[in-house]
């Protein structure tokens, strides 16, 4: 019996590797890329302690070279969901009975494995399968995921230590227990770290999980499962169910044992999940907890005192890193008239210097968008801009899916602040600008505020300033 009051030391942030030419880091990732691209991974479902292969198959391809198949995965249906729910029930008693330090030890070990022997393979899978540059992959699938696992365990200290006050003669205390049932984790393609964090954060708290990854993030998700198993995660704690959304999600929503949903993805999908939970509320054993992050339409509102060069760089990085496929991407910008000419000229210069292509060539700043439906949707927005009176494409706009799903970094000017491209999420490398008069700043803010208030309340965090936490080192 452990009587010590154990705490987890505050971890440092994982250092970002630079992958300079000729460095051991560069040689390591090049070897990792060669290893991952030279085989076709066979990805099963993982239910309890079983690897299950199904007749229905899906493929993971390189978005920048869509004829190159990286993996084939088994697609699950309602029978596999039922098996996974049973596996959650079997695993739950022993997992929730573990001391929290022992649960945390699994994920701290997983972080060490990712920081060490699994780093190159995970980054290579993200680079190849999701068309991230090595620098975008490094800050996502390595550093951010390592930080998630380590800091989640660290902050678990605070959750359990946060206790209520007590009056004289009374000892109040709070004991956190897992939910009664399983958690459904539905994760997106665009961040390997989010894909891994959603199921593991729930598991860390003692819950058992059914994880439905995005089909276009399946390879790095599969590698995540391998890391977790090597770290000692018991069978059945996280059950890995590839497949189409309705085939996995709908049976979970119908189950009386659904205890919670952990989701990142589109607003429409999360609204569907919420609606189904509401309609099924009488059948559940408890009230399911819903945690979701959905889309956005991030903006930059520039003041006339802004430094034009810094503004241009912020716009370029915010809009075009990872092809704009982030809810935090700078999707629209309000530029004062006094800076307009200098900002537009700067954008033309900087965007014109962007190198786009296969991310295996480390000089590229951008690569392909994730798949053909995404390509077609983004191209549709650009076509709309070209054909409408209230938009003008001033930079880029080219689209080519013959080899990969490539969309040029595109800048559009809108004549009004509430046009379609200023209002709808595009989730691609398209930045829309609106020019406002310097003395109309307050009116522009009021118009923006009214526009935000009128938008769908389905967005959990609909508008934020673009974040530029990443580091781009363009080594030739």
Foldseek 3Di string as FASTA:
>chain_A
DDPDPDAADDDDFDDFDDLFPPDPVVVLLLVLLVVQQVDAAEAAWAAFNDGDADPDKDFQFFQQFRVRTRYIYHAFFLVVLVSLQVLQVVPQPVLQPDDLVVLLQLLLQLLVCCQPDCVSNLLSLCCGLAVAFSQVSRVFRRRLLSCLSSVLRNCVSVVQPDFDDDDPPDDGGDDQGAFQFEEEEEEEQQGLSRLLNQLSSSVSRRGAYEYEYDPSNVVSNSVSVVSSVVSPDHGSRYTYHYHDCCRNPVSLLQDLRHAEYREEEALVVLVVSVVSCVVNVVSHPDRHYYDYAHAAAAEAEDAPPDDLLVVLVCLCLQQCRAQLQDSLRHQEYEAEPNCVVVNVVSNQVVLVPAAEHRSVPNLHRYYAGRDDVLLVLLLVVLVVQVPDPFKDWDDFSDFDPPRRGDGRQTEMEGADCDDPSNQDDSSGNYYYYYYDHNVCSVVVVVVVVVSVVPDDPSHPCHYDHRDDPTDRDNHD
